[in-house]
Amino acid sequence: MGIALNRLAKEDPSFRVRTDEESGQTIISGMGELHLEIIVDRMKREFGVEANIGAPQVAYRETIRKAVKAEYKHAKQSGGKGQYGHVVIEMEPMEPGGEGYEFIDEIKGGVIPREFIPSVDKGIRDTLSNGIVAGYPVVDVRIRLVFGSYHDVDSSQLAFELAASQAFKEGMRQASPALLEPIMAVEVETPEEYMGDVMGT
């Protein structure tokens, strides 16, 4: 099936294939239901591959509606070396349809060493793929890393990734999270005599 899907995806740039990591299912997406029916039919005819097809799913996204400040301190001690990472972030909504995500480092005075800043960004980026409303990707959010702290021995990249991830989740809960539905821009060209019919007047 993988060979068939990859070959069809190379032929048709509007057809996409991915594997859902949680369910292990192969997800196909295209220009609509008819497009996907044609792809499935071609898989059966040209490659002899049968597929179990489920109902189409809407590509929802999540976002936030208000600006908030969130903080998380990841501190674990288990016998030997511990883990410590502490971040304070400010979250704010961005213009809809914008960049999707923006990370701004506003750390002053070395309260978080430079080597851990990319780990904070990574922890948030990894968490963006699963929002808290319904588990859809989070878009149109700006994050400012404004404060934090570290430990000379116990701080690590992983500790800062985990702290950032938890701070982001906490901030999402406070920031009026919302579910977004897909919006399509459609342009219709029609002869003037059909203008009334097209506009519904």
C-alpha atoms as a PDB file:
ATOM      1  CA  MET A   1       0.000   0.000   0.000  1.00  0.00           C
ATOM      2  CA  GLY A   2       2.872   2.376   0.816  1.00  0.00           C
ATOM      3  CA  ILE A   3       4.331   2.028  -2.678  1.00  0.00           C
ATOM      4  CA  ALA A   4       0.934   2.704  -4.272  1.00  0.00           C
ATOM      5  CA  LEU A   5       0.273   5.779  -2.112  1.00  0.00           C
ATOM      6  CA  ASN A   6       3.750   7.231  -2.682  1.00  0.00           C
ATOM      7  CA  ARG A   7       3.479   6.795  -6.446  1.00  0.00           C
ATOM      8  CA  LEU A   8       0.020   8.424  -6.516  1.00  0.00           C
ATOM      9  CA  ALA A   9       1.266  11.298  -4.328  1.00  0.00           C
ATOM     10  CA  LYS A  10       4.163  11.943  -6.748  1.00  0.00           C
ATOM     11  CA  GLU A  11       1.718  12.131  -9.669  1.00  0.00           C
ATOM     12  CA  ASP A  12      -0.776  14.395  -7.874  1.00  0.00           C
ATOM     13  CA  PRO A  13       0.579  17.263  -5.709  1.00  0.00           C
ATOM     14  CA  SER A  14      -2.888  17.941  -4.216  1.00  0.00           C
ATOM     15  CA  PHE A  15      -2.953  14.414  -2.730  1.00  0.00           C
ATOM     16  CA  ARG A  16      -1.202  13.968   0.627  1.00  0.00           C
ATOM     17  CA  VAL A  17      -0.340  10.914   2.722  1.00  0.00           C
ATOM     18  CA  ARG A  18       0.711  10.779   6.371  1.00  0.00           C
ATOM     19  CA  THR A  19       0.680   8.316   9.249  1.00  0.00           C
ATOM     20  CA  ASP A  20      -1.152   9.221  12.447  1.00  0.00           C
ATOM     21  CA  GLU A  21       1.402   8.468  15.175  1.00  0.00           C
ATOM     22  CA  GLU A  22      -1.222   7.858  17.868  1.00  0.00           C
ATOM     23  CA  SER A  23      -3.517   5.471  15.956  1.00  0.00           C
ATOM     24  CA  GLY A  24      -1.014   4.086  13.435  1.00  0.00           C
ATOM     25  CA  GLN A  25      -3.539   4.759  10.664  1.00  0.00           C
ATOM     26  CA  THR A  26      -2.527   5.984   7.232  1.00  0.00           C
ATOM     27  CA  ILE A  27      -4.350   9.253   6.572  1.00  0.00           C
ATOM     28  CA  ILE A  28      -4.945  10.434   3.012  1.00  0.00           C
ATOM     29  CA  SER A  29      -6.151  13.918   2.165  1.00  0.00           C
ATOM     30  CA  GLY A  30      -7.075  15.569  -1.085  1.00  0.00           C
ATOM     31  CA  MET A  31      -9.302  18.120  -2.795  1.00  0.00           C
ATOM     32  CA  GLY A  32     -12.545  16.525  -1.653  1.00  0.00           C
ATOM     33  CA  GLU A  33     -14.497  13.308  -1.306  1.00  0.00           C
ATOM     34  CA  LEU A  34     -14.657  12.616  -5.060  1.00  0.00           C
ATOM     35  CA  HIS A  35     -10.898  13.122  -5.392  1.00  0.00           C
ATOM     36  CA  LEU A  36     -10.268  10.593  -2.609  1.00  0.00           C
ATOM     37  CA  GLU A  37     -12.735   8.100  -4.115  1.00  0.00           C
ATOM     38  CA  ILE A  38     -10.790   8.257  -7.397  1.00  0.00           C
ATOM     39  CA  ILE A  39      -7.488   7.686  -5.543  1.00  0.00           C
ATOM     40  CA  VAL A  40      -8.908   4.652  -3.697  1.00  0.00           C
ATOM     41  CA  ASP A  41     -10.320   3.270  -6.969  1.00  0.00           C
ATOM     42  CA  ARG A  42      -6.915   3.691  -8.668  1.00  0.00           C
ATOM     43  CA  MET A  43      -5.208   1.906  -5.773  1.00  0.00           C
ATOM     44  CA  LYS A  44      -7.553  -1.036  -6.260  1.00  0.00           C
ATOM     45  CA  ARG A  45      -7.348  -1.138 -10.091  1.00  0.00           C
ATOM     46  CA  GLU A  46      -3.680  -0.309 -10.705  1.00  0.00           C
ATOM     47  CA  PHE A  47      -2.017  -1.780  -7.631  1.00  0.00           C
ATOM     48  CA  GLY A  48      -4.483  -4.408  -6.354  1.00  0.00           C
ATOM     49  CA  VAL A  49      -4.615  -2.755  -2.917  1.00  0.00           C
ATOM     50  CA  GLU A  50      -7.814  -2.854  -0.847  1.00  0.00           C
ATOM     51  CA  ALA A  51      -8.272  -0.134   1.778  1.00  0.00           C
ATOM     52  CA  ASN A  52     -10.712   0.377   4.653  1.00  0.00           C
ATOM     53  CA  ILE A  53     -12.013   3.900   4.219  1.00  0.00           C
ATOM     54  CA  GLY A  54     -13.567   5.961   7.015  1.00  0.00           C
ATOM     55  CA  ALA A  55     -15.630   9.123   6.916  1.00  0.00           C
ATOM     56  CA  PRO A  56     -13.779  12.279   5.850  1.00  0.00           C
ATOM     57  CA  GLN A  57     -12.454  14.355   8.739  1.00  0.00           C
ATOM     58  CA  VAL A  58     -12.427  18.123   8.879  1.00  0.00           C
ATOM     59  CA  ALA A  59      -8.978  19.687   9.340  1.00  0.00           C
ATOM     60  CA  TYR A  60      -9.766  21.760  12.423  1.00  0.00           C
ATOM     61  CA  ARG A  61      -7.203  23.933  14.178  1.00  0.00           C
ATOM     62  CA  GLU A  62      -7.093  25.496  17.629  1.00  0.00           C
ATOM     63  CA  THR A  63      -6.040  28.965  18.722  1.00  0.00           C
ATOM     64  CA  ILE A  64      -6.216  31.333  21.686  1.00  0.00           C
ATOM     65  CA  ARG A  65      -8.445  34.394  22.080  1.00  0.00           C
ATOM     66  CA  LYS A  66      -6.684  36.388  24.808  1.00  0.00           C
ATOM     67  CA  ALA A  67      -3.171  37.171  26.017  1.00  0.00           C
ATOM     68  CA  VAL A  68      -1.950  35.444  29.185  1.00  0.00           C
ATOM     69  CA  LYS A  69       1.182  34.819  31.216  1.00  0.00           C
ATOM     70  CA  ALA A  70       2.050  31.247  32.203  1.00  0.00           C
ATOM     71  CA  GLU A  71       4.782  29.725  34.323  1.00  0.00           C
ATOM     72  CA  TYR A  72       6.019  26.217  34.984  1.00  0.00           C
ATOM     73  CA  LYS A  73       8.879  24.922  37.094  1.00  0.00           C
ATOM     74  CA  HIS A  74      10.023  21.399  36.222  1.00  0.00           C
ATOM     75  CA  ALA A  75      11.937  20.105  39.253  1.00  0.00           C
ATOM     76  CA  LYS A  76      12.555  16.377  39.753  1.00  0.00           C
ATOM     77  CA  GLN A  77      14.994  14.718  42.108  1.00  0.00           C
ATOM     78  CA  SER A  78      15.547  10.960  42.037  1.00  0.00           C
ATOM     79  CA  GLY A  79      18.642   9.892  43.917  1.00  0.00           C
ATOM     80  CA  GLY A  80      21.441  11.171  41.677  1.00  0.00           C
ATOM     81  CA  LYS A  81      21.291  14.100  39.314  1.00  0.00           C
ATOM     82  CA  GLY A  82      17.965  15.886  39.211  1.00  0.00           C
ATOM     83  CA  GLN A  83      16.118  17.805  36.515  1.00  0.00           C
ATOM     84  CA  TYR A  84      15.412  21.514  36.729  1.00  0.00           C
ATOM     85  CA  GLY A  85      13.953  23.948  34.238  1.00  0.00           C
ATOM     86  CA  HIS A  86      11.810  27.002  34.964  1.00  0.00           C
ATOM     87  CA  VAL A  87      10.129  29.177  32.330  1.00  0.00           C
ATOM     88  CA  VAL A  88       7.740  32.118  32.303  1.00  0.00           C
ATOM     89  CA  ILE A  89       6.051  32.795  28.967  1.00  0.00           C
ATOM     90  CA  GLU A  90       3.601  35.351  27.649  1.00  0.00           C
ATOM     91  CA  MET A  91       1.140  34.074  25.039  1.00  0.00           C
ATOM     92  CA  GLU A  92      -0.908  36.234  22.712  1.00  0.00           C
ATOM     93  CA  PRO A  93      -3.099  35.629  19.672  1.00  0.00           C
ATOM     94  CA  MET A  94      -1.729  36.540  16.237  1.00  0.00           C
ATOM     95  CA  GLU A  95      -3.597  37.689  13.149  1.00  0.00           C
ATOM     96  CA  PRO A  96      -5.656  34.788  11.735  1.00  0.00           C
ATOM     97  CA  GLY A  97      -3.950  33.013   8.859  1.00  0.00           C
ATOM     98  CA  GLY A  98      -0.622  34.559   9.752  1.00  0.00           C
ATOM     99  CA  GLU A  99       2.657  32.802  10.445  1.00  0.00           C
ATOM    100  CA  GLY A 100       0.982  30.224  12.682  1.00  0.00           C
ATOM    101  CA  TYR A 101       3.577  30.387  15.471  1.00  0.00           C
ATOM    102  CA  GLU A 102       6.190  32.889  16.535  1.00  0.00           C
ATOM    103  CA  PHE A 103       8.730  32.465  19.342  1.00  0.00           C
ATOM    104  CA  ILE A 104      10.448  35.551  20.768  1.00  0.00           C
ATOM    105  CA  ASP A 105      13.334  35.297  23.228  1.00  0.00           C
ATOM    106  CA  GLU A 106      13.143  38.230  25.666  1.00  0.00           C
ATOM    107  CA  ILE A 107      15.449  36.780  28.327  1.00  0.00           C
ATOM    108  CA  LYS A 108      17.688  39.400  29.924  1.00  0.00           C
ATOM    109  CA  GLY A 109      20.601  39.013  32.305  1.00  0.00           C
ATOM    110  CA  GLY A 110      21.191  35.327  31.594  1.00  0.00           C
ATOM    111  CA  VAL A 111      18.433  34.033  33.893  1.00  0.00           C
ATOM    112  CA  ILE A 112      18.192  31.171  31.375  1.00  0.00           C
ATOM    113  CA  PRO A 113      21.501  30.302  29.673  1.00  0.00           C
ATOM    114  CA  ARG A 114      21.582  30.705  25.867  1.00  0.00           C
ATOM    115  CA  GLU A 115      22.063  26.958  25.313  1.00  0.00           C
ATOM    116  CA  PHE A 116      18.600  26.225  26.791  1.00  0.00           C
ATOM    117  CA  ILE A 117      16.595  28.794  24.769  1.00  0.00           C
ATOM    118  CA  PRO A 118      16.218  26.503  21.687  1.00  0.00           C
ATOM    119  CA  SER A 119      14.947  23.766  24.040  1.00  0.00           C
ATOM    120  CA  VAL A 120      12.172  26.076  25.250  1.00  0.00           C
ATOM    121  CA  ASP A 121      11.179  26.760  21.625  1.00  0.00           C
ATOM    122  CA  LYS A 122      11.297  23.017  20.832  1.00  0.00           C
ATOM    123  CA  GLY A 123       9.160  22.114  23.855  1.00  0.00           C
ATOM    124  CA  ILE A 124       6.483  24.549  22.702  1.00  0.00           C
ATOM    125  CA  ARG A 125       6.707  23.525  19.024  1.00  0.00           C
ATOM    126  CA  ASP A 126       6.274  19.862  19.954  1.00  0.00           C
ATOM    127  CA  THR A 127       3.198  20.730  22.034  1.00  0.00           C
ATOM    128  CA  LEU A 128       1.582  22.817  19.258  1.00  0.00           C
ATOM    129  CA  SER A 129       0.555  19.644  17.425  1.00  0.00           C
ATOM    130  CA  ASN A 130      -1.998  18.708  20.125  1.00  0.00           C
ATOM    131  CA  GLY A 131      -4.237  21.495  21.384  1.00  0.00           C
ATOM    132  CA  ILE A 132      -6.288  21.216  24.575  1.00  0.00           C
ATOM    133  CA  VAL A 133      -9.784  21.798  23.132  1.00  0.00           C
ATOM    134  CA  ALA A 134      -9.960  18.697  20.931  1.00  0.00           C
ATOM    135  CA  GLY A 135      -6.343  17.714  20.243  1.00  0.00           C
ATOM    136  CA  TYR A 136      -5.982  19.611  16.941  1.00  0.00           C
ATOM    137  CA  PRO A 137      -2.858  21.610  15.972  1.00  0.00           C
ATOM    138  CA  VAL A 138      -2.571  25.091  17.516  1.00  0.00           C
ATOM    139  CA  VAL A 139      -2.050  28.054  15.161  1.00  0.00           C
ATOM    140  CA  ASP A 140      -1.780  31.845  15.239  1.00  0.00           C
ATOM    141  CA  VAL A 141      -0.060  32.145  18.607  1.00  0.00           C
ATOM    142  CA  ARG A 142       2.941  34.263  19.618  1.00  0.00           C
ATOM    143  CA  ILE A 143       5.089  33.185  22.561  1.00  0.00           C
ATOM    144  CA  ARG A 144       7.484  35.465  24.411  1.00  0.00           C
ATOM    145  CA  LEU A 145       9.963  33.839  26.777  1.00  0.00           C
ATOM    146  CA  VAL A 146      10.240  36.536  29.456  1.00  0.00           C
ATOM    147  CA  PHE A 147      11.744  34.926  32.547  1.00  0.00           C
ATOM    148  CA  GLY A 148      12.876  31.698  34.163  1.00  0.00           C
ATOM    149  CA  SER A 149      15.641  30.143  36.183  1.00  0.00           C
ATOM    150  CA  TYR A 150      18.139  27.304  36.023  1.00  0.00           C
ATOM    151  CA  HIS A 151      20.305  25.131  38.252  1.00  0.00           C
ATOM    152  CA  ASP A 152      24.055  24.821  37.632  1.00  0.00           C
ATOM    153  CA  VAL A 153      24.001  21.016  37.893  1.00  0.00           C
ATOM    154  CA  ASP A 154      20.412  19.833  37.344  1.00  0.00           C
ATOM    155  CA  SER A 155      19.336  21.926  34.351  1.00  0.00           C
ATOM    156  CA  SER A 156      19.268  20.215  30.964  1.00  0.00           C
ATOM    157  CA  GLN A 157      17.766  20.671  27.536  1.00  0.00           C
ATOM    158  CA  LEU A 158      15.125  18.043  28.333  1.00  0.00           C
ATOM    159  CA  ALA A 159      14.147  19.786  31.583  1.00  0.00           C
ATOM    160  CA  PHE A 160      13.590  23.067  29.717  1.00  0.00           C
ATOM    161  CA  GLU A 161      11.627  21.310  26.939  1.00  0.00           C
ATOM    162  CA  LEU A 162       9.321  19.773  29.553  1.00  0.00           C
ATOM    163  CA  ALA A 163       8.939  23.050  31.462  1.00  0.00           C
ATOM    164  CA  ALA A 164       8.076  24.932  28.253  1.00  0.00           C
ATOM    165  CA  SER A 165       5.585  22.276  27.176  1.00  0.00           C
ATOM    166  CA  GLN A 166       3.762  22.391  30.518  1.00  0.00           C
ATOM    167  CA  ALA A 167       3.811  26.204  30.643  1.00  0.00           C
ATOM    168  CA  PHE A 168       2.286  26.271  27.152  1.00  0.00           C
ATOM    169  CA  LYS A 169      -0.484  23.824  28.146  1.00  0.00           C
ATOM    170  CA  GLU A 170      -1.232  25.860  31.264  1.00  0.00           C
ATOM    171  CA  GLY A 171      -1.323  29.068  29.225  1.00  0.00           C
ATOM    172  CA  MET A 172      -3.654  27.484  26.651  1.00  0.00           C
ATOM    173  CA  ARG A 173      -6.148  26.639  29.412  1.00  0.00           C
ATOM    174  CA  GLN A 174      -6.199  30.282  30.584  1.00  0.00           C
ATOM    175  CA  ALA A 175      -6.170  31.953  27.145  1.00  0.00           C
ATOM    176  CA  SER A 176      -9.761  31.238  26.014  1.00  0.00           C
ATOM    177  CA  PRO A 177      -8.857  28.423  23.604  1.00  0.00           C
ATOM    178  CA  ALA A 178     -11.094  28.106  20.551  1.00  0.00           C
ATOM    179  CA  LEU A 179     -11.678  25.640  17.737  1.00  0.00           C
ATOM    180  CA  LEU A 180     -11.208  26.966  14.190  1.00  0.00           C
ATOM    181  CA  GLU A 181     -12.951  25.570  11.128  1.00  0.00           C
ATOM    182  CA  PRO A 182     -11.374  25.661   7.673  1.00  0.00           C
ATOM    183  CA  ILE A 183     -12.119  28.732   5.572  1.00  0.00           C
ATOM    184  CA  MET A 184     -11.813  28.680   1.804  1.00  0.00           C
ATOM    185  CA  ALA A 185     -11.500  31.634  -0.555  1.00  0.00           C
ATOM    186  CA  VAL A 186     -13.582  31.068  -3.674  1.00  0.00           C
ATOM    187  CA  GLU A 187     -13.567  33.200  -6.810  1.00  0.00           C
ATOM    188  CA  VAL A 188     -16.375  32.736  -9.324  1.00  0.00           C
ATOM    189  CA  GLU A 189     -16.301  34.096 -12.872  1.00  0.00           C
ATOM    190  CA  THR A 190     -19.590  34.003 -14.722  1.00  0.00           C
ATOM    191  CA  PRO A 191     -21.234  35.674 -17.694  1.00  0.00           C
ATOM    192  CA  GLU A 192     -23.258  38.722 -16.684  1.00  0.00           C
ATOM    193  CA  GLU A 193     -26.615  37.137 -17.551  1.00  0.00           C
ATOM    194  CA  TYR A 194     -26.078  34.466 -14.845  1.00  0.00           C
ATOM    195  CA  MET A 195     -24.879  36.889 -12.147  1.00  0.00           C
ATOM    196  CA  GLY A 196     -28.243  36.963 -10.330  1.00  0.00           C
ATOM    197  CA  ASP A 197     -28.460  33.159 -10.213  1.00  0.00           C
ATOM    198  CA  VAL A 198     -24.924  32.846  -8.865  1.00  0.00           C
ATOM    199  CA  MET A 199     -25.449  35.502  -6.185  1.00  0.00           C
ATOM    200  CA  GLY A 200     -28.819  34.044  -5.218  1.00  0.00           C
ATOM    201  CA  THR A 201     -30.860  37.164  -5.971  1.00  0.00           C
END
